[in-house]
Amino acid sequence: MARFLLYRIFQAFFVIIAVTLIVSFAIRLTGDPALMLSQGAGSVTEEDLANIREALGLNQPFLAQYMDFLKGLLVGDLGKSFMGGISVTELVARALPATLALAFTSLIVSIVISIPLGIKAATSRGRWPDQVIRILSLVGLSFPNFWLAIMLVLLFSITMSWLPPSGMEGFESFIMPAATMGIILTATNVRLVRTTMLETLNAQFVMVARAKGLSENVVLYKHALRNCSIPLITYFGLQFGGLLGGIVVIERVFNWPGLGTLAFDAVAARDYPVLQGVITVLSLLIISINLIVDIAYGLVDPRMRKG
């Protein structure tokens, strides 16, 4: 296991280098931050712009700027924002808990709904419960997440005044954004659970468990579900990583103070250090999640530990 962990850490190092290098280069093609900072300052000369670039360190060659970023990353310093000179590490630390909380809540909502529905669809294959669940999952896949988010705001915030329309002020603030992402994820997860359960229910050990007189719930949830959990763990883990990086639209609709909103504002302001910092932290999180998923294999399936 130690050798495996060292190998994955070695891989992660090169992934981080590749991601940060590509992002650092790409965001510099979006425009000049000096022009953004000088807006509203009246007449600005080329000399003024050059002074701003020098103050921000943008007059140095690209590789020199990138190496400075890597040196800071090694000690946990992601640089300073172009807008106000605030520490990027501090900005990310403020926004990260909100994104993690929303992504985790959305995934839990999806898992709690999709596993029972997927199992019900598999055990009712070809009958009306299976047909209804499959149709509902197809409908859920057809909904754009931003449209569903807006509809929930119109219904529960504006029309009924039951829930806050935006912000992160307490438990009630989680309901609509988590439900939006949870419903979209459930539409995919139900189909995955159904497919994996159909394959497992035909296995010999399931017939043996039923022949022993075990209850149907024990057969389904203790034996069948555990033996088909490897692909589910893989997908749920990757899904959580995708949530972290793809939750930007939902955060914007609900004005959620997370990394997505921070990255969106950084793109609009051409704030290179903030965007680099956000993407670097997201990359580290996704790599860590993939490592945790691999470790979970061994906990669920003893055959993986022997391998």
C-alpha atoms as a PDB file:
ATOM      1  CA  MET A   1       0.000   0.000   0.000  1.00  0.00           C
ATOM      2  CA  ALA A   2       2.841   2.398   0.832  1.00  0.00           C
ATOM      3  CA  ARG A   3       4.421   1.779  -2.569  1.00  0.00           C
ATOM      4  CA  PHE A   4       1.076   2.385  -4.247  1.00  0.00           C
ATOM      5  CA  LEU A   5       0.575   5.677  -2.376  1.00  0.00           C
ATOM      6  CA  LEU A   6       4.065   6.888  -3.299  1.00  0.00           C
ATOM      7  CA  TYR A   7       3.411   6.066  -6.945  1.00  0.00           C
ATOM      8  CA  ARG A   8       0.124   7.977  -6.950  1.00  0.00           C
ATOM      9  CA  ILE A   9       1.744  10.977  -5.243  1.00  0.00           C
ATOM     10  CA  PHE A  10       4.449  10.902  -7.908  1.00  0.00           C
ATOM     11  CA  GLN A  11       1.735  10.902 -10.578  1.00  0.00           C
ATOM     12  CA  ALA A  12      -0.112  13.712  -8.831  1.00  0.00           C
ATOM     13  CA  PHE A  13       3.000  15.895  -8.918  1.00  0.00           C
ATOM     14  CA  PHE A  14       3.175  15.780 -12.708  1.00  0.00           C
ATOM     15  CA  VAL A  15      -0.581  16.280 -13.047  1.00  0.00           C
ATOM     16  CA  ILE A  16      -0.384  19.451 -10.944  1.00  0.00           C
ATOM     17  CA  ILE A  17       2.551  20.726 -13.016  1.00  0.00           C
ATOM     18  CA  ALA A  18       0.665  20.084 -16.268  1.00  0.00           C
ATOM     19  CA  VAL A  19      -2.608  21.631 -15.067  1.00  0.00           C
ATOM     20  CA  THR A  20      -1.070  24.762 -13.568  1.00  0.00           C
ATOM     21  CA  LEU A  21       1.202  25.284 -16.587  1.00  0.00           C
ATOM     22  CA  ILE A  22      -1.684  25.046 -19.064  1.00  0.00           C
ATOM     23  CA  VAL A  23      -3.921  27.295 -16.958  1.00  0.00           C
ATOM     24  CA  SER A  24      -1.178  29.865 -16.383  1.00  0.00           C
ATOM     25  CA  PHE A  25      -0.541  30.082 -20.113  1.00  0.00           C
ATOM     26  CA  ALA A  26      -4.201  30.070 -21.175  1.00  0.00           C
ATOM     27  CA  ILE A  27      -5.409  32.803 -18.829  1.00  0.00           C
ATOM     28  CA  ARG A  28      -2.727  35.151 -20.113  1.00  0.00           C
ATOM     29  CA  LEU A  29      -4.385  34.979 -23.516  1.00  0.00           C
ATOM     30  CA  THR A  30      -7.604  36.500 -22.135  1.00  0.00           C
ATOM     31  CA  GLY A  31      -6.361  40.084 -21.886  1.00  0.00           C
ATOM     32  CA  ASP A  32      -4.227  42.530 -19.953  1.00  0.00           C
ATOM     33  CA  PRO A  33      -5.027  42.978 -16.221  1.00  0.00           C
ATOM     34  CA  ALA A  34      -3.391  46.398 -16.350  1.00  0.00           C
ATOM     35  CA  LEU A  35      -6.191  47.627 -18.617  1.00  0.00           C
ATOM     36  CA  MET A  36      -8.814  46.297 -16.202  1.00  0.00           C
ATOM     37  CA  LEU A  37      -7.170  48.007 -13.241  1.00  0.00           C
ATOM     38  CA  SER A  38      -6.856  51.306 -15.091  1.00  0.00           C
ATOM     39  CA  GLN A  39     -10.529  51.487 -16.094  1.00  0.00           C
ATOM     40  CA  GLY A  40     -12.247  54.537 -14.694  1.00  0.00           C
ATOM     41  CA  ALA A  41      -8.938  56.289 -14.077  1.00  0.00           C
ATOM     42  CA  GLY A  42      -9.384  58.725 -16.928  1.00  0.00           C
ATOM     43  CA  SER A  43      -6.603  59.181 -19.454  1.00  0.00           C
ATOM     44  CA  VAL A  44      -4.005  56.424 -19.048  1.00  0.00           C
ATOM     45  CA  THR A  45      -0.714  56.473 -20.889  1.00  0.00           C
ATOM     46  CA  GLU A  46       1.344  53.503 -22.017  1.00  0.00           C
ATOM     47  CA  GLU A  47       3.858  54.410 -19.329  1.00  0.00           C
ATOM     48  CA  ASP A  48       1.151  54.113 -16.670  1.00  0.00           C
ATOM     49  CA  LEU A  49       0.226  50.665 -17.969  1.00  0.00           C
ATOM     50  CA  ALA A  50       3.877  49.630 -17.947  1.00  0.00           C
ATOM     51  CA  ASN A  51       4.190  50.741 -14.313  1.00  0.00           C
ATOM     52  CA  ILE A  52       1.116  48.694 -13.365  1.00  0.00           C
ATOM     53  CA  ARG A  53       2.527  45.617 -15.109  1.00  0.00           C
ATOM     54  CA  GLU A  54       5.817  46.053 -13.309  1.00  0.00           C
ATOM     55  CA  ALA A  55       4.087  46.385  -9.945  1.00  0.00           C
ATOM     56  CA  LEU A  56       2.147  43.173 -10.624  1.00  0.00           C
ATOM     57  CA  GLY A  57       5.196  41.324 -11.899  1.00  0.00           C
ATOM     58  CA  LEU A  58       3.694  40.920 -15.376  1.00  0.00           C
ATOM     59  CA  ASN A  59       6.730  42.434 -17.074  1.00  0.00           C
ATOM     60  CA  GLN A  60       8.748  39.288 -16.353  1.00  0.00           C
ATOM     61  CA  PRO A  61       8.941  36.390 -18.846  1.00  0.00           C
ATOM     62  CA  PHE A  62       6.158  33.832 -18.573  1.00  0.00           C
ATOM     63  CA  LEU A  63       8.394  31.039 -17.282  1.00  0.00           C
ATOM     64  CA  ALA A  64       9.790  33.317 -14.578  1.00  0.00           C
ATOM     65  CA  GLN A  65       6.243  34.144 -13.432  1.00  0.00           C
ATOM     66  CA  TYR A  66       5.324  30.462 -13.455  1.00  0.00           C
ATOM     67  CA  MET A  67       8.396  29.434 -11.448  1.00  0.00           C
ATOM     68  CA  ASP A  68       7.562  32.109  -8.864  1.00  0.00           C
ATOM     69  CA  PHE A  69       4.081  30.598  -8.594  1.00  0.00           C
ATOM     70  CA  LEU A  70       5.481  27.079  -8.077  1.00  0.00           C
ATOM     71  CA  LYS A  71       7.901  28.283  -5.409  1.00  0.00           C
ATOM     72  CA  GLY A  72       5.044  29.901  -3.532  1.00  0.00           C
ATOM     73  CA  LEU A  73       2.881  26.784  -3.966  1.00  0.00           C
ATOM     74  CA  LEU A  74       5.498  24.648  -2.199  1.00  0.00           C
ATOM     75  CA  VAL A  75       5.088  26.751   0.961  1.00  0.00           C
ATOM     76  CA  GLY A  76       1.330  27.218   0.646  1.00  0.00           C
ATOM     77  CA  ASP A  77       1.513  30.735  -0.783  1.00  0.00           C
ATOM     78  CA  LEU A  78      -0.724  31.141  -3.838  1.00  0.00           C
ATOM     79  CA  GLY A  79       0.235  34.778  -4.352  1.00  0.00           C
ATOM     80  CA  LYS A  80      -1.812  37.935  -3.991  1.00  0.00           C
ATOM     81  CA  SER A  81      -4.895  39.073  -5.850  1.00  0.00           C
ATOM     82  CA  PHE A  82      -4.462  41.849  -8.392  1.00  0.00           C
ATOM     83  CA  MET A  83      -7.634  43.404  -6.979  1.00  0.00           C
ATOM     84  CA  GLY A  84      -6.727  44.794  -3.577  1.00  0.00           C
ATOM     85  CA  GLY A  85      -3.609  42.724  -2.945  1.00  0.00           C
ATOM     86  CA  ILE A  86      -5.458  40.197  -0.747  1.00  0.00           C
ATOM     87  CA  SER A  87      -3.787  36.825  -0.178  1.00  0.00           C
ATOM     88  CA  VAL A  88      -5.139  34.237  -2.628  1.00  0.00           C
ATOM     89  CA  THR A  89      -4.641  31.523   0.002  1.00  0.00           C
ATOM     90  CA  GLU A  90      -6.947  33.457   2.314  1.00  0.00           C
ATOM     91  CA  LEU A  91      -9.575  33.942  -0.406  1.00  0.00           C
ATOM     92  CA  VAL A  92      -9.537  30.240  -1.295  1.00  0.00           C
ATOM     93  CA  ALA A  93      -9.686  29.221   2.366  1.00  0.00           C
ATOM     94  CA  ARG A  94     -12.835  31.342   2.797  1.00  0.00           C
ATOM     95  CA  ALA A  95     -14.588  29.959  -0.297  1.00  0.00           C
ATOM     96  CA  LEU A  96     -13.531  26.289  -0.129  1.00  0.00           C
ATOM     97  CA  PRO A  97     -15.768  25.187   2.803  1.00  0.00           C
ATOM     98  CA  ALA A  98     -18.877  26.530   1.054  1.00  0.00           C
ATOM     99  CA  THR A  99     -18.116  24.612  -2.162  1.00  0.00           C
ATOM    100  CA  LEU A 100     -17.232  21.396  -0.327  1.00  0.00           C
ATOM    101  CA  ALA A 101     -20.385  21.594   1.787  1.00  0.00           C
ATOM    102  CA  LEU A 102     -22.651  22.143  -1.227  1.00  0.00           C
ATOM    103  CA  ALA A 103     -20.989  19.429  -3.335  1.00  0.00           C
ATOM    104  CA  PHE A 104     -21.049  16.896  -0.484  1.00  0.00           C
ATOM    105  CA  THR A 105     -24.692  17.634   0.350  1.00  0.00           C
ATOM    106  CA  SER A 106     -25.704  17.333  -3.322  1.00  0.00           C
ATOM    107  CA  LEU A 107     -23.935  13.992  -3.671  1.00  0.00           C
ATOM    108  CA  ILE A 108     -25.493  12.608  -0.477  1.00  0.00           C
ATOM    109  CA  VAL A 109     -28.959  13.673  -1.674  1.00  0.00           C
ATOM    110  CA  SER A 110     -28.341  11.898  -4.969  1.00  0.00           C
ATOM    111  CA  ILE A 111     -27.002   8.681  -3.370  1.00  0.00           C
ATOM    112  CA  VAL A 112     -29.854   8.460  -0.852  1.00  0.00           C
ATOM    113  CA  ILE A 113     -32.415   8.763  -3.656  1.00  0.00           C
ATOM    114  CA  SER A 114     -30.716   6.853  -6.476  1.00  0.00           C
ATOM    115  CA  ILE A 115     -29.689   3.634  -4.667  1.00  0.00           C
ATOM    116  CA  PRO A 116     -33.212   2.602  -3.529  1.00  0.00           C
ATOM    117  CA  LEU A 117     -34.731   3.668  -6.859  1.00  0.00           C
ATOM    118  CA  GLY A 118     -32.030   1.867  -8.846  1.00  0.00           C
ATOM    119  CA  ILE A 119     -32.490  -1.326  -6.837  1.00  0.00           C
ATOM    120  CA  LYS A 120     -36.291  -1.097  -7.203  1.00  0.00           C
ATOM    121  CA  ALA A 121     -35.929  -0.676 -10.974  1.00  0.00           C
ATOM    122  CA  ALA A 122     -33.573  -3.665 -11.194  1.00  0.00           C
ATOM    123  CA  THR A 123     -35.830  -5.961  -9.149  1.00  0.00           C
ATOM    124  CA  SER A 124     -38.874  -4.828 -11.182  1.00  0.00           C
ATOM    125  CA  ARG A 125     -37.218  -5.193 -14.568  1.00  0.00           C
ATOM    126  CA  GLY A 126     -39.727  -4.788 -17.388  1.00  0.00           C
ATOM    127  CA  ARG A 127     -42.639  -3.987 -15.068  1.00  0.00           C
ATOM    128  CA  TRP A 128     -44.283  -0.596 -14.470  1.00  0.00           C
ATOM    129  CA  PRO A 129     -42.042   0.548 -11.529  1.00  0.00           C
ATOM    130  CA  ASP A 130     -38.990   0.007 -13.734  1.00  0.00           C
ATOM    131  CA  GLN A 131     -40.583   1.889 -16.627  1.00  0.00           C
ATOM    132  CA  VAL A 132     -41.625   4.835 -14.436  1.00  0.00           C
ATOM    133  CA  ILE A 133     -38.184   5.145 -12.811  1.00  0.00           C
ATOM    134  CA  ARG A 134     -36.411   4.989 -16.183  1.00  0.00           C
ATOM    135  CA  ILE A 135     -38.713   7.644 -17.666  1.00  0.00           C
ATOM    136  CA  LEU A 136     -38.193   9.934 -14.674  1.00  0.00           C
ATOM    137  CA  SER A 137     -34.413   9.513 -14.919  1.00  0.00           C
ATOM    138  CA  LEU A 138     -34.548  10.395 -18.616  1.00  0.00           C
ATOM    139  CA  VAL A 139     -36.580  13.508 -17.811  1.00  0.00           C
ATOM    140  CA  GLY A 140     -34.038  14.460 -15.143  1.00  0.00           C
ATOM    141  CA  LEU A 141     -31.185  14.109 -17.642  1.00  0.00           C
ATOM    142  CA  SER A 142     -33.009  16.483 -19.997  1.00  0.00           C
ATOM    143  CA  PHE A 143     -33.160  19.360 -17.486  1.00  0.00           C
ATOM    144  CA  PRO A 144     -30.350  21.934 -17.740  1.00  0.00           C
ATOM    145  CA  ASN A 145     -29.157  22.583 -14.183  1.00  0.00           C
ATOM    146  CA  PHE A 146     -29.403  26.375 -14.502  1.00  0.00           C
ATOM    147  CA  TRP A 147     -33.036  26.129 -15.718  1.00  0.00           C
ATOM    148  CA  LEU A 148     -33.984  23.857 -12.829  1.00  0.00           C
ATOM    149  CA  ALA A 149     -32.252  26.205 -10.383  1.00  0.00           C
ATOM    150  CA  ILE A 150     -34.146  29.219 -11.724  1.00  0.00           C
ATOM    151  CA  MET A 151     -37.476  27.343 -11.592  1.00  0.00           C
ATOM    152  CA  LEU A 152     -36.876  26.381  -7.961  1.00  0.00           C
ATOM    153  CA  VAL A 153     -36.094  29.993  -7.083  1.00  0.00           C
ATOM    154  CA  LEU A 154     -39.259  31.219  -8.828  1.00  0.00           C
ATOM    155  CA  LEU A 155     -41.408  28.602  -7.091  1.00  0.00           C
ATOM    156  CA  PHE A 156     -40.046  28.373  -3.544  1.00  0.00           C
ATOM    157  CA  SER A 157     -38.561  31.846  -3.075  1.00  0.00           C
ATOM    158  CA  ILE A 158     -40.559  34.296  -5.145  1.00  0.00           C
ATOM    159  CA  THR A 159     -43.981  32.605  -5.349  1.00  0.00           C
ATOM    160  CA  MET A 160     -44.190  30.808  -1.996  1.00  0.00           C
ATOM    161  CA  SER A 161     -41.524  32.692  -0.005  1.00  0.00           C
ATOM    162  CA  TRP A 162     -40.490  29.480   1.741  1.00  0.00           C
ATOM    163  CA  LEU A 163     -36.736  29.506   1.112  1.00  0.00           C
ATOM    164  CA  PRO A 164     -34.050  32.201   0.748  1.00  0.00           C
ATOM    165  CA  PRO A 165     -33.304  32.866  -2.942  1.00  0.00           C
ATOM    166  CA  SER A 166     -29.538  33.240  -2.546  1.00  0.00           C
ATOM    167  CA  GLY A 167     -26.603  33.329  -0.175  1.00  0.00           C
ATOM    168  CA  MET A 168     -25.414  30.927   2.495  1.00  0.00           C
ATOM    169  CA  GLU A 169     -27.179  31.811   5.713  1.00  0.00           C
ATOM    170  CA  GLY A 170     -28.112  28.458   7.253  1.00  0.00           C
ATOM    171  CA  PHE A 171     -29.604  25.031   6.601  1.00  0.00           C
ATOM    172  CA  GLU A 172     -32.459  26.434   4.503  1.00  0.00           C
ATOM    173  CA  SER A 173     -29.945  27.961   2.084  1.00  0.00           C
ATOM    174  CA  PHE A 174     -28.686  24.472   1.194  1.00  0.00           C
ATOM    175  CA  ILE A 175     -32.056  23.058   0.170  1.00  0.00           C
ATOM    176  CA  MET A 176     -32.497  24.508  -3.317  1.00  0.00           C
ATOM    177  CA  PRO A 177     -28.904  24.355  -4.610  1.00  0.00           C
ATOM    178  CA  ALA A 178     -28.401  20.847  -3.168  1.00  0.00           C
ATOM    179  CA  ALA A 179     -31.740  19.702  -4.578  1.00  0.00           C
ATOM    180  CA  THR A 180     -30.860  21.133  -8.001  1.00  0.00           C
ATOM    181  CA  MET A 181     -27.552  19.283  -8.220  1.00  0.00           C
ATOM    182  CA  GLY A 182     -28.960  16.201  -6.475  1.00  0.00           C
ATOM    183  CA  ILE A 183     -31.815  15.803  -8.963  1.00  0.00           C
ATOM    184  CA  ILE A 184     -29.482  16.127 -11.950  1.00  0.00           C
ATOM    185  CA  LEU A 185     -27.022  13.608 -10.461  1.00  0.00           C
ATOM    186  CA  THR A 186     -29.794  11.190  -9.479  1.00  0.00           C
ATOM    187  CA  ALA A 187     -30.963  10.917 -13.069  1.00  0.00           C
ATOM    188  CA  THR A 188     -27.582   9.414 -14.016  1.00  0.00           C
ATOM    189  CA  ASN A 189     -26.955   7.460 -10.820  1.00  0.00           C
ATOM    190  CA  VAL A 190     -30.295   5.611 -10.938  1.00  0.00           C
ATOM    191  CA  ARG A 191     -29.434   4.161 -14.336  1.00  0.00           C
ATOM    192  CA  LEU A 192     -25.960   3.145 -13.145  1.00  0.00           C
ATOM    193  CA  VAL A 193     -27.290   1.430 -10.005  1.00  0.00           C
ATOM    194  CA  ARG A 194     -29.951  -0.368 -12.046  1.00  0.00           C
ATOM    195  CA  THR A 195     -27.414  -1.663 -14.586  1.00  0.00           C
ATOM    196  CA  THR A 196     -24.892  -2.895 -12.013  1.00  0.00           C
ATOM    197  CA  MET A 197     -27.602  -4.526  -9.896  1.00  0.00           C
ATOM    198  CA  LEU A 198     -29.055  -6.361 -12.901  1.00  0.00           C
ATOM    199  CA  GLU A 199     -25.661  -7.934 -13.550  1.00  0.00           C
ATOM    200  CA  THR A 200     -25.167  -8.863  -9.886  1.00  0.00           C
ATOM    201  CA  LEU A 201     -28.657 -10.324  -9.313  1.00  0.00           C
ATOM    202  CA  ASN A 202     -27.919 -13.041 -11.862  1.00  0.00           C
ATOM    203  CA  ALA A 203     -24.800 -14.170  -9.971  1.00  0.00           C
ATOM    204  CA  GLN A 204     -24.703 -17.552  -8.238  1.00  0.00           C
ATOM    205  CA  PHE A 205     -23.994 -16.175  -4.758  1.00  0.00           C
ATOM    206  CA  VAL A 206     -27.317 -14.265  -4.865  1.00  0.00           C
ATOM    207  CA  MET A 207     -29.217 -17.479  -5.583  1.00  0.00           C
ATOM    208  CA  VAL A 208     -27.341 -19.204  -2.739  1.00  0.00           C
ATOM    209  CA  ALA A 209     -28.227 -16.365  -0.341  1.00  0.00           C
ATOM    210  CA  ARG A 210     -31.896 -16.668  -1.269  1.00  0.00           C
ATOM    211  CA  ALA A 211     -31.755 -20.442  -0.930  1.00  0.00           C
ATOM    212  CA  LYS A 212     -30.519 -20.009   2.652  1.00  0.00           C
ATOM    213  CA  GLY A 213     -33.784 -18.235   3.446  1.00  0.00           C
ATOM    214  CA  LEU A 214     -32.317 -14.746   3.906  1.00  0.00           C
ATOM    215  CA  SER A 215     -34.770 -11.875   3.615  1.00  0.00           C
ATOM    216  CA  GLU A 216     -34.928 -10.047   0.296  1.00  0.00           C
ATOM    217  CA  ASN A 217     -33.606  -6.811   1.836  1.00  0.00           C
ATOM    218  CA  VAL A 218     -30.561  -8.636   3.245  1.00  0.00           C
ATOM    219  CA  VAL A 219     -29.915 -10.264  -0.122  1.00  0.00           C
ATOM    220  CA  LEU A 220     -30.238  -6.980  -1.987  1.00  0.00           C
ATOM    221  CA  TYR A 221     -28.522  -4.510   0.333  1.00  0.00           C
ATOM    222  CA  LYS A 222     -25.941  -6.668   2.144  1.00  0.00           C
ATOM    223  CA  HIS A 223     -24.872  -9.113  -0.562  1.00  0.00           C
ATOM    224  CA  ALA A 224     -25.830  -7.819  -4.013  1.00  0.00           C
ATOM    225  CA  LEU A 225     -25.228  -4.108  -3.397  1.00  0.00           C
ATOM    226  CA  ARG A 226     -21.862  -4.688  -1.719  1.00  0.00           C
ATOM    227  CA  ASN A 227     -20.618  -6.843  -4.573  1.00  0.00           C
ATOM    228  CA  CYS A 228     -21.567  -4.245  -7.198  1.00  0.00           C
ATOM    229  CA  SER A 229     -20.246  -1.333  -5.157  1.00  0.00           C
ATOM    230  CA  ILE A 230     -16.836  -1.098  -6.878  1.00  0.00           C
ATOM    231  CA  PRO A 231     -18.151   0.657 -10.024  1.00  0.00           C
ATOM    232  CA  LEU A 232     -20.514   2.718  -7.867  1.00  0.00           C
ATOM    233  CA  ILE A 233     -17.701   3.913  -5.586  1.00  0.00           C
ATOM    234  CA  THR A 234     -15.619   4.754  -8.642  1.00  0.00           C
ATOM    235  CA  TYR A 235     -18.371   6.757 -10.262  1.00  0.00           C
ATOM    236  CA  PHE A 236     -19.533   8.521  -7.094  1.00  0.00           C
ATOM    237  CA  GLY A 237     -15.954   9.499  -6.281  1.00  0.00           C
ATOM    238  CA  LEU A 238     -15.328  10.887  -9.754  1.00  0.00           C
ATOM    239  CA  GLN A 239     -18.729  12.550  -9.630  1.00  0.00           C
ATOM    240  CA  PHE A 240     -17.790  14.380  -6.441  1.00  0.00           C
ATOM    241  CA  GLY A 241     -14.623  15.627  -8.103  1.00  0.00           C
ATOM    242  CA  GLY A 242     -16.641  16.759 -11.091  1.00  0.00           C
ATOM    243  CA  LEU A 243     -19.062  18.543  -8.780  1.00  0.00           C
ATOM    244  CA  LEU A 244     -16.246  20.597  -7.300  1.00  0.00           C
ATOM    245  CA  GLY A 245     -15.184  21.826 -10.709  1.00  0.00           C
ATOM    246  CA  GLY A 246     -18.589  22.061 -12.363  1.00  0.00           C
ATOM    247  CA  ILE A 247     -20.707  23.736  -9.736  1.00  0.00           C
ATOM    248  CA  VAL A 248     -19.939  27.248 -11.034  1.00  0.00           C
ATOM    249  CA  VAL A 249     -23.337  27.799 -12.678  1.00  0.00           C
ATOM    250  CA  ILE A 250     -25.273  26.762  -9.575  1.00  0.00           C
ATOM    251  CA  GLU A 251     -23.123  28.971  -7.362  1.00  0.00           C
ATOM    252  CA  ARG A 252     -23.772  31.933  -9.651  1.00  0.00           C
ATOM    253  CA  VAL A 253     -27.551  31.380  -9.733  1.00  0.00           C
ATOM    254  CA  PHE A 254     -27.779  31.114  -5.941  1.00  0.00           C
ATOM    255  CA  ASN A 255     -24.993  33.641  -5.243  1.00  0.00           C
ATOM    256  CA  TRP A 256     -23.185  30.915  -3.302  1.00  0.00           C
ATOM    257  CA  PRO A 257     -19.881  32.143  -1.788  1.00  0.00           C
ATOM    258  CA  GLY A 258     -17.776  29.243  -3.079  1.00  0.00           C
ATOM    259  CA  LEU A 259     -14.816  28.577  -5.357  1.00  0.00           C
ATOM    260  CA  GLY A 260     -16.996  28.709  -8.465  1.00  0.00           C
ATOM    261  CA  THR A 261     -18.084  32.254  -7.773  1.00  0.00           C
ATOM    262  CA  LEU A 262     -14.512  33.203  -6.864  1.00  0.00           C
ATOM    263  CA  ALA A 263     -13.190  31.750 -10.135  1.00  0.00           C
ATOM    264  CA  PHE A 264     -15.934  33.420 -12.189  1.00  0.00           C
ATOM    265  CA  ASP A 265     -15.131  36.824 -10.697  1.00  0.00           C
ATOM    266  CA  ALA A 266     -11.411  36.218 -11.267  1.00  0.00           C
ATOM    267  CA  VAL A 267     -11.997  35.474 -14.958  1.00  0.00           C
ATOM    268  CA  ALA A 268     -14.075  38.637 -15.365  1.00  0.00           C
ATOM    269  CA  ALA A 269     -11.362  40.736 -13.673  1.00  0.00           C
ATOM    270  CA  ARG A 270      -8.456  38.863 -15.329  1.00  0.00           C
ATOM    271  CA  ASP A 271      -7.120  38.201 -11.850  1.00  0.00           C
ATOM    272  CA  TYR A 272      -4.473  35.611 -12.750  1.00  0.00           C
ATOM    273  CA  PRO A 273      -3.291  34.653  -9.236  1.00  0.00           C
ATOM    274  CA  VAL A 274      -6.827  33.994  -7.958  1.00  0.00           C
ATOM    275  CA  LEU A 275      -7.790  31.835 -10.931  1.00  0.00           C
ATOM    276  CA  GLN A 276      -4.500  29.913 -10.750  1.00  0.00           C
ATOM    277  CA  GLY A 277      -5.016  29.365  -7.035  1.00  0.00           C
ATOM    278  CA  VAL A 278      -8.603  28.141  -7.397  1.00  0.00           C
ATOM    279  CA  ILE A 279      -7.783  25.676 -10.180  1.00  0.00           C
ATOM    280  CA  THR A 280      -4.691  24.396  -8.356  1.00  0.00           C
ATOM    281  CA  VAL A 281      -6.684  23.717  -5.186  1.00  0.00           C
ATOM    282  CA  LEU A 282      -9.473  22.030  -7.181  1.00  0.00           C
ATOM    283  CA  SER A 283      -6.888  19.848  -8.951  1.00  0.00           C
ATOM    284  CA  LEU A 284      -5.362  18.797  -5.636  1.00  0.00           C
ATOM    285  CA  LEU A 285      -8.805  17.954  -4.277  1.00  0.00           C
ATOM    286  CA  ILE A 286      -9.767  15.866  -7.308  1.00  0.00           C
ATOM    287  CA  ILE A 287      -6.467  13.959  -7.169  1.00  0.00           C
ATOM    288  CA  SER A 288      -6.987  13.328  -3.449  1.00  0.00           C
ATOM    289  CA  ILE A 289     -10.522  12.079  -4.052  1.00  0.00           C
ATOM    290  CA  ASN A 290      -9.302   9.654  -6.718  1.00  0.00           C
ATOM    291  CA  LEU A 291      -6.703   8.343  -4.255  1.00  0.00           C
ATOM    292  CA  ILE A 292      -9.357   7.882  -1.564  1.00  0.00           C
ATOM    293  CA  VAL A 293     -11.530   5.989  -4.075  1.00  0.00           C
ATOM    294  CA  ASP A 294      -8.647   3.618  -4.836  1.00  0.00           C
ATOM    295  CA  ILE A 295      -8.091   2.989  -1.128  1.00  0.00           C
ATOM    296  CA  ALA A 296     -11.812   2.375  -0.651  1.00  0.00           C
ATOM    297  CA  TYR A 297     -11.620  -0.482  -3.159  1.00  0.00           C
ATOM    298  CA  GLY A 298      -9.536  -2.482  -0.706  1.00  0.00           C
ATOM    299  CA  LEU A 299     -11.913  -1.780   2.151  1.00  0.00           C
ATOM    300  CA  VAL A 300     -14.943  -2.965   0.188  1.00  0.00           C
ATOM    301  CA  ASP A 301     -13.462  -5.900  -1.736  1.00  0.00           C
ATOM    302  CA  PRO A 302     -10.865  -8.152   0.007  1.00  0.00           C
ATOM    303  CA  ARG A 303      -9.709  -9.398  -3.398  1.00  0.00           C
ATOM    304  CA  MET A 304      -8.407  -5.907  -4.146  1.00  0.00           C
ATOM    305  CA  ARG A 305      -6.296  -5.939  -0.956  1.00  0.00           C
ATOM    306  CA  LYS A 306      -4.717  -9.244  -1.939  1.00  0.00           C
ATOM    307  CA  GLY A 307      -3.957  -7.855  -5.389  1.00  0.00           C
END
